[in-house]
Amino acid sequence: MALACAPPEQSDLPLSHWSQSELAREAVRRGIVDSISHGSVGRFLKEADLKPHRVRGWLTAKPDPEFETKCTDVCAVYKDAAAAPQGVRKVSVDEMTGMQALERTAPDLPMRAGDILRREFEYVRHATQTLIAAFDVASGQVLGVVGDTRTEQDYANFTQTLFATAAPTTVWHVVADNLNTHVSESVVRLVARRPW
């Protein structure tokens, strides 16, 4: 049990986590037991309610002394979106990186009485893609682009495309996190050129 609770790197093994087989091999190598099967290791782990193959992560929050002010500003943008005057757009922007572009090798079989939707497990992987999208808070419309990368230039191009969807005199309220591409030099210059 102690071995299962210790990280594999303490045993000089290039593993991210223990498998039952690796635990069995390491227990024999260390002389804890003369021999043991991975099935026995599995039973012992189950009895002790240990799951060395699972990990739960967390993020330690970094206190922001301006959090209340920023939160109030963001909430006001969302709260007042529906009542925004003509010529004001309020959008929330973010991206999703590393999305797998998968193609199933066979079409789904539709749901029918007594059977749920059935899907072929096998697929063809076509690399990964990045989605950059803006959600118009008042209308619910989404504008998005899918590409191969998430660079400063990709985000600047998306921002320029977003601004082009409205009149040049439109006032924009854009809510985004502080990701490096969101506050990059090219995006700041693009926003600074806007007539406010």
Protein backbone atom coordinates (compact mmCIF):
# COMPACT_ATOMS: atom_id res chain seq x y z
CA MET A 1 0.00 0.00 0.00
CA ALA A 2 2.87 2.38 0.82
CA LEU A 3 4.42 1.69 -2.58
CA ALA A 4 1.14 2.54 -4.34
CA CYS A 5 0.99 5.84 -2.43
CA ALA A 6 4.54 6.86 -3.43
CA PRO A 7 5.10 8.46 -6.85
CA PRO A 8 6.83 6.16 -9.39
CA GLU A 9 9.69 8.64 -9.85
CA GLN A 10 10.81 7.83 -6.30
CA SER A 11 11.59 4.37 -7.70
CA ASP A 12 13.48 5.91 -10.62
CA LEU A 13 10.77 4.77 -13.03
CA PRO A 14 9.76 6.94 -16.00
CA LEU A 15 6.05 6.62 -15.20
CA SER A 16 3.41 9.27 -14.64
CA HIS A 17 1.35 6.92 -12.46
CA TRP A 18 1.30 3.33 -11.25
CA SER A 19 -0.47 0.54 -13.11
CA GLN A 20 -1.25 -2.73 -11.36
CA SER A 21 1.41 -4.49 -13.44
CA GLU A 22 4.07 -1.89 -12.64
CA LEU A 23 3.24 -2.08 -8.93
CA ALA A 24 3.55 -5.89 -9.03
CA ARG A 25 6.95 -5.70 -10.80
CA GLU A 26 8.26 -3.06 -8.39
CA ALA A 27 7.07 -4.99 -5.30
CA VAL A 28 9.03 -8.05 -6.52
CA ARG A 29 12.08 -5.95 -7.46
CA ARG A 30 12.18 -4.41 -3.98
CA GLY A 31 11.79 -7.78 -2.30
CA ILE A 32 8.47 -6.87 -0.69
CA VAL A 33 7.09 -10.16 -2.07
CA ASP A 34 8.62 -13.10 -3.93
CA SER A 35 5.89 -12.96 -6.57
CA ILE A 36 2.50 -11.32 -7.02
CA SER A 37 0.08 -11.00 -9.92
CA HIS A 38 -1.34 -7.74 -11.16
CA GLY A 39 -4.79 -9.13 -10.30
CA SER A 40 -3.79 -9.53 -6.64
CA VAL A 41 -2.43 -5.99 -6.63
CA GLY A 42 -5.76 -4.84 -8.05
CA ARG A 43 -7.68 -6.63 -5.29
CA PHE A 44 -5.46 -5.12 -2.57
CA LEU A 45 -5.87 -1.65 -4.04
CA LYS A 46 -9.64 -2.09 -4.23
CA GLU A 47 -9.83 -3.27 -0.60
CA ALA A 48 -7.79 -0.26 0.53
CA ASP A 49 -9.79 2.07 -1.78
CA LEU A 50 -6.56 3.30 -3.42
CA LYS A 51 -6.58 4.49 -7.03
CA PRO A 52 -2.98 5.29 -8.04
CA HIS A 53 -4.02 5.64 -11.70
CA ARG A 54 -6.26 8.62 -10.91
CA VAL A 55 -5.23 12.22 -10.25
CA ARG A 56 -7.29 15.21 -9.22
CA GLY A 57 -5.71 18.60 -9.84
CA TRP A 58 -6.34 22.00 -8.35
CA LEU A 59 -5.29 25.55 -9.01
CA THR A 60 -4.15 27.72 -6.15
CA ALA A 61 -5.87 31.07 -6.53
CA LYS A 62 -3.63 34.11 -6.62
CA PRO A 63 -5.35 36.88 -4.66
CA ASP A 64 -6.13 39.94 -6.77
CA PRO A 65 -6.67 43.10 -4.73
CA GLU A 66 -8.75 44.51 -7.61
CA PHE A 67 -10.97 41.43 -7.94
CA GLU A 68 -14.15 43.06 -6.60
CA THR A 69 -13.82 46.03 -8.97
CA LYS A 70 -13.08 43.82 -11.99
CA CYS A 71 -15.91 41.43 -11.11
CA THR A 72 -18.36 44.33 -10.78
CA ASP A 73 -17.30 45.68 -14.19
CA VAL A 74 -17.67 42.30 -15.93
CA CYS A 75 -21.04 41.60 -14.30
CA ALA A 76 -22.29 45.05 -15.35
CA VAL A 77 -21.35 44.32 -18.97
CA TYR A 78 -23.43 41.14 -18.92
CA LYS A 79 -26.31 42.56 -16.88
CA ASP A 80 -26.82 45.60 -19.10
CA ALA A 81 -26.22 43.85 -22.45
CA ALA A 82 -29.87 43.56 -23.47
CA ALA A 83 -30.50 47.24 -22.72
CA ALA A 84 -27.40 48.49 -24.57
CA PRO A 85 -28.14 51.41 -26.90
CA GLN A 86 -27.90 51.09 -30.67
CA GLY A 87 -24.27 50.95 -31.77
CA VAL A 88 -22.97 49.17 -28.66
CA ARG A 89 -21.94 45.48 -28.81
CA LYS A 90 -21.04 43.41 -25.78
CA VAL A 91 -19.21 40.16 -26.41
CA SER A 92 -17.42 37.51 -24.41
CA VAL A 93 -14.37 36.04 -26.16
CA ASP A 94 -12.36 32.91 -25.43
CA GLU A 95 -10.72 29.99 -27.16
CA MET A 96 -10.50 26.26 -26.93
CA THR A 97 -7.15 24.79 -27.90
CA GLY A 98 -6.08 21.25 -28.65
CA MET A 99 -9.47 20.05 -29.89
CA GLN A 100 -9.05 16.73 -31.66
CA ALA A 101 -10.45 16.72 -35.18
CA LEU A 102 -11.89 13.22 -35.31
CA GLU A 103 -13.62 11.42 -38.14
CA ARG A 104 -15.58 8.28 -37.29
CA THR A 105 -14.86 5.31 -39.54
CA ALA A 106 -18.58 4.45 -39.78
CA PRO A 107 -21.79 6.46 -39.45
CA ASP A 108 -23.73 6.40 -36.18
CA LEU A 109 -26.61 3.95 -35.92
CA PRO A 110 -29.71 5.90 -34.88
CA MET A 111 -31.61 5.43 -31.67
CA ARG A 112 -34.71 3.25 -31.89
CA ALA A 113 -37.10 1.67 -29.45
CA GLY A 114 -35.08 -0.40 -27.00
CA ASP A 115 -31.69 0.76 -28.38
CA ILE A 116 -29.68 3.88 -27.64
CA LEU A 117 -27.66 5.70 -30.30
CA ARG A 118 -24.72 3.49 -31.30
CA ARG A 119 -21.37 4.90 -32.37
CA GLU A 120 -18.35 3.18 -33.87
CA PHE A 121 -15.45 3.36 -31.44
CA GLU A 122 -12.73 3.59 -34.11
CA TYR A 123 -11.88 6.95 -35.62
CA VAL A 124 -9.32 8.70 -37.79
CA ARG A 125 -7.48 11.54 -36.07
CA HIS A 126 -6.86 14.65 -38.17
CA ALA A 127 -4.48 16.55 -35.85
CA THR A 128 -5.78 19.16 -33.41
CA GLN A 129 -7.57 22.44 -33.99
CA THR A 130 -8.13 25.68 -32.09
CA LEU A 131 -11.46 27.46 -31.82
CA ILE A 132 -11.54 31.20 -31.14
CA ALA A 133 -15.08 32.45 -30.57
CA ALA A 134 -17.05 35.50 -29.49
CA PHE A 135 -20.46 35.24 -27.84
CA ASP A 136 -22.71 38.28 -28.33
CA VAL A 137 -24.24 38.59 -24.88
CA ALA A 138 -27.40 40.41 -26.03
CA SER A 139 -28.29 38.41 -29.15
CA GLY A 140 -26.78 35.03 -28.28
CA GLN A 141 -25.01 34.88 -31.64
CA VAL A 142 -21.59 33.25 -31.82
CA LEU A 143 -18.83 34.15 -34.25
CA GLY A 144 -15.97 31.70 -34.37
CA VAL A 145 -12.97 30.62 -36.39
CA VAL A 146 -11.20 27.28 -36.36
CA GLY A 147 -7.51 27.07 -37.17
CA ASP A 148 -4.34 25.11 -36.66
CA THR A 149 -2.73 27.50 -34.15
CA ARG A 150 -3.46 29.94 -31.32
CA THR A 151 -0.97 32.73 -31.82
CA GLU A 152 -0.98 36.46 -31.23
CA GLN A 153 -1.64 36.99 -34.93
CA ASP A 154 -4.51 34.47 -34.97
CA TYR A 155 -6.22 36.32 -32.12
CA ALA A 156 -5.56 39.74 -33.70
CA ASN A 157 -7.02 38.53 -37.01
CA PHE A 158 -10.09 37.19 -35.19
CA THR A 159 -10.53 40.49 -33.34
CA GLN A 160 -10.32 42.40 -36.61
CA THR A 161 -12.90 40.06 -38.18
CA LEU A 162 -15.15 40.55 -35.14
CA PHE A 163 -14.93 44.36 -35.39
CA ALA A 164 -15.73 44.15 -39.12
CA THR A 165 -19.15 42.62 -38.32
CA ALA A 166 -20.46 46.02 -37.21
CA ALA A 167 -20.25 49.66 -38.27
CA PRO A 168 -16.87 51.34 -37.74
CA THR A 169 -18.42 53.61 -35.10
CA THR A 170 -19.67 50.68 -33.00
CA VAL A 171 -18.57 50.78 -29.37
CA TRP A 172 -17.34 47.37 -28.24
CA HIS A 173 -17.31 45.94 -24.74
CA VAL A 174 -15.14 42.84 -24.98
CA VAL A 175 -14.80 40.52 -21.99
CA ALA A 176 -11.75 38.24 -22.16
CA ASP A 177 -9.29 36.75 -19.71
CA ASN A 178 -5.68 37.90 -19.47
CA LEU A 179 -4.26 35.21 -21.73
CA ASN A 180 -1.04 36.38 -23.37
CA THR A 181 -2.64 36.54 -26.83
CA HIS A 182 -5.57 38.63 -25.53
CA VAL A 183 -3.28 41.38 -24.27
CA SER A 184 -0.56 41.13 -26.92
CA GLU A 185 0.96 44.16 -28.60
CA SER A 186 -0.81 43.60 -31.93
CA VAL A 187 -4.23 43.34 -30.25
CA VAL A 188 -3.58 46.43 -28.11
CA ARG A 189 -2.58 48.38 -31.24
CA LEU A 190 -5.68 47.13 -33.09
CA VAL A 191 -7.97 48.21 -30.27
CA ALA A 192 -6.18 51.57 -29.91
CA ARG A 193 -6.95 52.35 -33.58
CA ARG A 194 -10.71 52.01 -32.93
CA PRO A 195 -12.72 55.27 -32.85
CA TRP A 196 -14.08 55.37 -29.30
